[in-house]
Amino acid sequence: MSYTIAITGKGGVGKTTIAALAVLRLVASGRRPVLAVDADPNVCLDIALGVRVAHTVGGIREEARALAAENSATGVAKQDLLRLKVAQSLVETPHFDLLAMGRPEGPGCYCFANNALRATLKAIADDYPYVVIDNEAGLENLSRRIVRQLDLMIMVADPSKQGLETVMRLFGLAREMDIKLKQLVLVINRMRQESLPQAAAQLQAQTGASLLVALPEDEELRRLSEEGGPLQAMPPSNRLVQAMDRLLFDAGAPTLKRATPNLI
């Protein structure tokens, strides 16, 4: 059974950076293999992880729609073909694999494609002890495309009033969608001061989040982003990396307690 982590928040708050760091720190601690899922139509998790995506599930979804219209194909044959094609779209590395969802559905009915892919992705995810999902802005893909139950949801905001209000709306949406989550962590990203805004503590109380974490603005991360470099280049001594380790291991779920580091 996979331990599933999903990262969500409004656009531009650093979800992809946090997702990539979560993947890399899990791997570095010996928790591998990890399945990384880029659920944002604007595929960019691959760059942060230092790999390249050649094929996305979006293209497979188009083919699934065509298969559904063919009376000659059986349901079993279509499902088998879909699983094969999803597996072929994986970017594989020794310690983690990456699956990119790609563009959202086009016009028309995609019921078969969505249902078949949901089952196919679940079957693939079960082969990995850890799954990290980098979501698009919002929660729609969690309810329709990938999973409805999470071990850990990380909701990311910037320190602005609008950023914190967006997280509260996302939390309300998750409850409406009946997304099951065992643990919620709130992350206030790109902090330039030591103290958290008062509204952040209020947000934690309103959501019942088990942890409220401040991640600092980081010069090394900024430089890597400008150069398009992978986050593997960030050393364990980096304060942002150390903050992610505290989030995942020191205060995380029991299954994520610290292990002996096994660096990449």
Protein backbone atom coordinates (compact mmCIF):
# COMPACT_ATOMS: atom_id res chain seq x y z
CA MET A 1 0.00 0.00 0.00
CA SER A 2 1.48 3.33 -1.05
CA TYR A 3 2.02 6.27 1.29
CA THR A 4 0.58 9.14 -0.77
CA ILE A 5 1.57 12.79 -0.40
CA ALA A 6 -0.21 15.53 -2.37
CA ILE A 7 0.92 19.14 -2.63
CA THR A 8 -1.62 21.81 -3.53
CA GLY A 9 -2.18 25.57 -3.37
CA LYS A 10 -2.78 28.51 -5.66
CA GLY A 11 -0.57 29.09 -8.66
CA GLY A 12 2.91 30.49 -8.14
CA VAL A 13 3.39 29.63 -4.46
CA GLY A 14 6.12 27.04 -5.03
CA LYS A 15 4.16 23.76 -5.13
CA THR A 16 6.48 22.18 -7.69
CA THR A 17 9.61 23.08 -5.72
CA ILE A 18 8.14 21.53 -2.57
CA ALA A 19 6.99 18.43 -4.49
CA ALA A 20 10.46 17.97 -6.00
CA LEU A 21 12.15 18.41 -2.64
CA ALA A 22 9.75 15.90 -1.08
CA VAL A 23 10.67 13.33 -3.75
CA LEU A 24 14.39 13.95 -3.37
CA ARG A 25 14.39 13.90 0.44
CA LEU A 26 12.39 10.66 0.52
CA VAL A 27 14.92 9.11 -1.84
CA ALA A 28 17.87 10.49 0.13
CA SER A 29 16.50 8.95 3.33
CA GLY A 30 16.27 5.52 1.72
CA ARG A 31 12.51 5.60 1.10
CA ARG A 32 12.41 4.47 -2.50
CA PRO A 33 11.35 3.97 -5.15
CA VAL A 34 9.09 7.01 -5.31
CA LEU A 35 6.45 7.65 -7.96
CA ALA A 36 6.30 11.37 -8.73
CA VAL A 37 3.10 12.48 -10.47
CA ASP A 38 3.04 15.85 -12.22
CA ALA A 39 -0.69 16.62 -12.29
CA ASP A 40 -0.21 20.18 -13.56
CA PRO A 41 -1.00 20.63 -17.29
CA ASN A 42 2.05 22.92 -17.48
CA VAL A 43 4.57 20.12 -16.99
CA CYS A 44 7.58 21.38 -15.02
CA LEU A 45 8.27 18.87 -12.24
CA ASP A 46 10.68 17.08 -14.56
CA ILE A 47 12.97 20.11 -14.75
CA ALA A 48 13.08 20.43 -10.96
CA LEU A 49 13.96 16.73 -10.72
CA GLY A 50 16.59 16.90 -13.45
CA VAL A 51 14.82 14.64 -15.97
CA ARG A 52 12.83 15.17 -19.17
CA VAL A 53 9.26 14.11 -19.99
CA ALA A 54 8.73 12.87 -23.55
CA HIS A 55 5.12 11.60 -23.28
CA THR A 56 2.19 12.57 -21.07
CA VAL A 57 -0.99 10.83 -19.99
CA GLY A 58 -2.92 13.56 -21.84
CA GLY A 59 -2.04 11.96 -25.16
CA ILE A 60 -3.04 8.54 -23.89
CA ARG A 61 -6.38 9.96 -22.77
CA GLU A 62 -7.09 11.00 -26.36
CA GLU A 63 -6.35 7.48 -27.55
CA ALA A 64 -8.54 6.00 -24.82
CA ARG A 65 -11.47 8.03 -26.05
CA ALA A 66 -10.97 6.65 -29.56
CA LEU A 67 -10.71 3.10 -28.22
CA ALA A 68 -14.00 3.49 -26.36
CA ALA A 69 -15.76 4.19 -29.66
CA GLU A 70 -14.48 0.99 -31.30
CA ASN A 71 -17.01 -1.81 -30.94
CA SER A 72 -14.45 -4.43 -31.90
CA ALA A 73 -12.23 -3.90 -28.82
CA THR A 74 -13.15 -5.58 -25.52
CA GLY A 75 -13.00 -3.79 -22.19
CA VAL A 76 -10.18 -6.03 -20.99
CA ALA A 77 -8.12 -5.39 -24.11
CA LYS A 78 -8.60 -1.65 -23.79
CA GLN A 79 -7.58 -1.68 -20.13
CA ASP A 80 -4.49 -3.76 -20.84
CA LEU A 81 -3.46 -1.47 -23.67
CA LEU A 82 -3.95 1.61 -21.49
CA ARG A 83 -1.80 0.20 -18.71
CA LEU A 84 0.94 -0.64 -21.21
CA LYS A 85 0.87 2.86 -22.69
CA VAL A 86 0.85 4.56 -19.28
CA ALA A 87 3.84 2.44 -18.28
CA GLN A 88 5.62 3.45 -21.49
CA SER A 89 5.12 7.13 -20.64
CA LEU A 90 6.97 6.79 -17.31
CA VAL A 91 10.30 8.57 -16.96
CA GLU A 92 12.38 6.02 -15.07
CA THR A 93 15.42 6.63 -12.88
CA PRO A 94 17.19 4.33 -10.38
CA HIS A 95 15.40 5.89 -7.38
CA PHE A 96 12.20 7.53 -8.63
CA ASP A 97 9.90 7.44 -11.64
CA LEU A 98 7.90 10.37 -13.01
CA LEU A 99 4.48 10.33 -14.63
CA ALA A 100 3.20 13.56 -16.21
CA MET A 101 -0.55 14.01 -16.63
CA GLY A 102 -0.21 16.71 -19.31
CA ARG A 103 -2.99 18.81 -20.73
CA PRO A 104 -6.57 18.53 -19.41
CA GLU A 105 -9.41 16.92 -21.36
CA GLY A 106 -10.68 18.44 -24.59
CA PRO A 107 -14.36 18.76 -25.57
CA GLY A 108 -16.63 15.73 -25.56
CA CYS A 109 -17.14 12.81 -23.21
CA TYR A 110 -14.05 11.41 -21.56
CA CYS A 111 -15.84 9.21 -19.04
CA PHE A 112 -14.21 6.01 -20.24
CA ALA A 113 -10.76 7.58 -20.45
CA ASN A 114 -10.95 9.05 -16.95
CA ASN A 115 -12.33 5.88 -15.38
CA ALA A 116 -9.85 3.59 -17.10
CA LEU A 117 -6.89 5.80 -16.31
CA ARG A 118 -7.93 6.16 -12.68
CA ALA A 119 -7.82 2.39 -12.31
CA THR A 120 -4.62 2.08 -14.33
CA LEU A 121 -2.79 4.75 -12.36
CA LYS A 122 -3.89 3.19 -9.09
CA ALA A 123 -2.50 -0.15 -10.21
CA ILE A 124 0.82 1.45 -11.11
CA ALA A 125 0.99 3.49 -7.89
CA ASP A 126 0.52 0.34 -5.80
CA ASP A 127 3.94 -0.80 -7.03
CA TYR A 128 5.61 2.13 -5.21
CA PRO A 129 5.91 2.53 -1.43
CA TYR A 130 5.70 6.34 -1.80
CA VAL A 131 3.76 8.54 -4.20
CA VAL A 132 4.18 12.34 -4.41
CA ILE A 133 1.60 14.30 -6.42
CA ASP A 134 2.31 17.84 -7.63
CA ASN A 135 -1.18 19.24 -8.25
CA GLU A 136 -2.40 21.96 -10.52
CA ALA A 137 -3.96 24.96 -8.76
CA GLY A 138 -7.06 23.51 -7.12
CA LEU A 139 -8.20 20.00 -6.22
CA GLU A 140 -10.18 18.78 -9.23
CA ASN A 141 -7.62 16.20 -10.30
CA LEU A 142 -7.60 14.65 -6.82
CA SER A 143 -11.32 13.94 -6.96
CA ARG A 144 -11.57 12.79 -10.58
CA ARG A 145 -8.28 11.60 -11.93
CA ILE A 146 -5.89 10.18 -9.41
CA VAL A 147 -6.83 9.46 -5.78
CA ARG A 148 -9.54 10.21 -3.24
CA GLN A 149 -7.58 9.21 -0.15
CA LEU A 150 -4.32 10.76 1.00
CA ASP A 151 -1.91 10.01 3.80
CA LEU A 152 -0.52 13.55 3.80
CA MET A 153 -1.78 16.70 2.12
CA ILE A 154 0.57 19.68 2.07
CA MET A 155 -1.29 22.93 1.38
CA VAL A 156 1.06 25.71 0.33
CA ALA A 157 0.52 29.45 0.64
CA ASP A 158 2.64 32.55 0.45
CA PRO A 159 2.54 34.91 3.46
CA SER A 160 0.01 37.25 1.80
CA LYS A 161 -3.57 37.57 2.99
CA GLN A 162 -4.79 36.35 -0.40
CA GLY A 163 -2.52 33.30 -0.24
CA LEU A 164 -3.82 32.29 3.19
CA GLU A 165 -7.45 32.85 2.15
CA THR A 166 -6.92 30.64 -0.91
CA VAL A 167 -5.72 27.77 1.29
CA MET A 168 -8.85 28.12 3.43
CA ARG A 169 -11.01 27.89 0.30
CA LEU A 170 -9.08 24.83 -0.89
CA PHE A 171 -9.59 23.18 2.49
CA GLY A 172 -13.33 23.80 2.23
CA LEU A 173 -13.33 22.37 -1.29
CA ALA A 174 -11.50 19.24 -0.13
CA ARG A 175 -14.20 18.67 2.49
CA GLU A 176 -16.96 19.18 -0.08
CA MET A 177 -15.31 16.64 -2.38
CA ASP A 178 -15.01 14.21 0.54
CA ILE A 179 -11.29 13.74 -0.05
CA LYS A 180 -10.04 11.57 2.77
CA LEU A 181 -6.77 12.72 4.33
CA LYS A 182 -5.04 11.30 7.35
CA GLN A 183 -2.85 14.34 7.96
CA LEU A 184 -2.84 17.96 6.82
CA VAL A 185 0.22 20.20 6.92
CA LEU A 186 0.15 23.92 6.11
CA VAL A 187 3.26 25.43 4.54
CA ILE A 188 3.86 29.16 4.38
CA ASN A 189 6.47 29.45 1.66
CA ARG A 190 9.05 32.12 0.80
CA MET A 191 9.08 33.70 4.23
CA ARG A 192 11.32 36.77 4.49
CA GLN A 193 10.85 37.29 8.21
CA GLU A 194 11.14 35.08 11.25
CA SER A 195 7.59 35.29 12.60
CA LEU A 196 4.56 33.88 10.83
CA PRO A 197 1.60 36.18 10.13
CA GLN A 198 -1.10 35.97 12.79
CA ALA A 199 -3.59 34.78 10.17
CA ALA A 200 -1.48 31.64 9.65
CA ALA A 201 -2.09 30.43 13.21
CA GLN A 202 -5.79 31.16 12.79
CA LEU A 203 -5.77 29.13 9.57
CA GLN A 204 -4.20 26.18 11.37
CA ALA A 205 -6.90 26.30 14.04
CA GLN A 206 -9.68 26.51 11.44
CA THR A 207 -8.40 23.60 9.35
CA GLY A 208 -7.20 21.40 12.19
CA ALA A 209 -3.82 21.04 10.48
CA SER A 210 -1.37 19.00 12.52
CA LEU A 211 1.57 21.17 11.54
CA LEU A 212 2.27 24.72 10.41
CA VAL A 213 5.63 25.14 8.70
CA ALA A 214 7.45 28.26 7.49
CA LEU A 215 9.84 27.75 4.57
CA PRO A 216 12.36 30.55 4.07
CA GLU A 217 13.15 32.50 0.94
CA ASP A 218 16.32 30.83 -0.30
CA GLU A 219 19.05 32.39 -2.41
CA GLU A 220 20.45 29.06 -3.57
CA LEU A 221 17.03 27.97 -4.78
CA ARG A 222 16.57 31.29 -6.59
CA ARG A 223 19.88 30.83 -8.39
CA LEU A 224 19.05 27.27 -9.43
CA SER A 225 15.65 28.38 -10.70
CA GLU A 226 17.19 31.13 -12.81
CA GLU A 227 19.71 28.70 -14.27
CA GLY A 228 17.17 25.90 -14.77
CA GLY A 229 19.22 23.56 -12.59
CA PRO A 230 17.84 20.46 -10.83
CA LEU A 231 17.21 20.60 -7.10
CA GLN A 232 19.57 17.66 -6.53
CA ALA A 233 22.27 20.34 -6.47
CA MET A 234 20.98 21.68 -3.15
CA PRO A 235 23.13 20.21 -0.33
CA PRO A 236 21.66 18.67 2.85
CA SER A 237 23.04 21.65 4.79
CA ASN A 238 20.77 24.07 2.91
CA ARG A 239 18.24 25.56 5.34
CA LEU A 240 15.31 24.96 2.98
CA VAL A 241 16.29 21.30 2.60
CA GLN A 242 16.59 21.00 6.38
CA ALA A 243 13.16 22.57 6.82
CA MET A 244 11.70 20.00 4.39
CA ASP A 245 13.35 17.20 6.36
CA ARG A 246 11.71 18.47 9.55
CA LEU A 247 8.36 18.63 7.78
CA LEU A 248 8.59 15.11 6.40
CA PHE A 249 10.40 13.23 9.15
CA ASP A 250 10.50 14.97 12.53
CA ALA A 251 6.88 16.09 12.61
CA GLY A 252 5.41 13.94 9.87
CA ALA A 253 3.32 10.80 10.04
CA PRO A 254 4.73 7.86 12.03
CA THR A 255 5.72 6.03 8.83
CA LEU A 256 7.97 8.94 7.91
CA LYS A 257 10.11 9.08 11.04
CA ARG A 258 13.76 9.70 10.35
CA ALA A 259 15.89 6.87 9.04
CA THR A 260 19.64 6.70 8.54
CA PRO A 261 20.37 9.10 5.65
CA ASN A 262 21.21 7.43 2.36
CA LEU A 263 22.17 10.32 0.17
CA ILE A 264 21.74 10.31 -3.59
